[in-house]
Amino acid sequence: MAETSTSIRPNEAAHFGAMAAEWWDPKGSSAMLHKLNPVRLAFVRECLDQHFSLDPRALRPLEGRTVLDVGCGAGLLAEPLARLGAHVTGIDAAPELIEAARTHAGQSVLAIRYVAGEVAALDGQFDLVTALEVIEHVADPAAFVRTLADRLAPGGLLVMSTPARTAWSRLLTITLAEGTGRIPRGTHDYDQFLSAEQLSALLGAAGLTVTATRGIAFSPARGLQLSDDLSLNYLVAAARD
């Protein structure tokens, strides 16, 4: 997703902005995000149910709660969170993606607030803050995590995801996925990848404690799935101490 941080990298915003027209095409340049989204949503819902003691059977468990989706793209995560009842704000560095998000939300009759810009300039605090596949695109990961922590309301929850800093992740994400066109070339820079330990340390420095960590693994038989294997991609949930 397009980078949104205290130091936006224009090349990243431009790269993702160019994908806006086909963001909602499950077979287009964002096809991998469409495959990732159900897995990420399962983790988010699981963490929300546990953190806020929600009814896992409820259809709109986020009724009355506020959500900030950072690096929201054209709304792949923001829209299902809105359907769960949340008041959602999505922010992204690429204006083209925000325009696509507004258009799609309007077609879906969803009242989502979308903002083009950087999260450091955004006011307010939120019950849930998400930043999925974003931190590997920002110029200053530590400052970015601090900004996310600042946007958390008291008792709030932060959920992040990112590729693992492993040879396996580099092989599948860059060499194979980008090399064969499944992900647009130039989407990832391995030097920007973080290990789960590195991200946990950044969260700790920002005054947060990791409450859950799950991997996203791939198998030919089952595709992408939540796993205890953190070697490809992983998600973390964190809350204030």
Foldseek 3Di string as FASTA:
>chain_A
DAAFFPAHDVVSLVVLLVQQVCCVPCQDQVVVVVVCLVQQVVVVLVVCCVLVVFDSVQQQRQAPFEEEEEQCFLNSPVVSNVRSHYAYEYEHQHVSRQVNNVVVCVVVVGDHHYYHHHLLPDDAAGQEYEYEQHQLRDPDNLRRLLSSQVRHDASHKYKYKHWALAPVQCCVVAVPCCVVSVHPHPNGDSVSHYHPVRVQVSNVVSQKHWDDKWAWDADPVPGTHTHNDNNHMMMTMIHGD
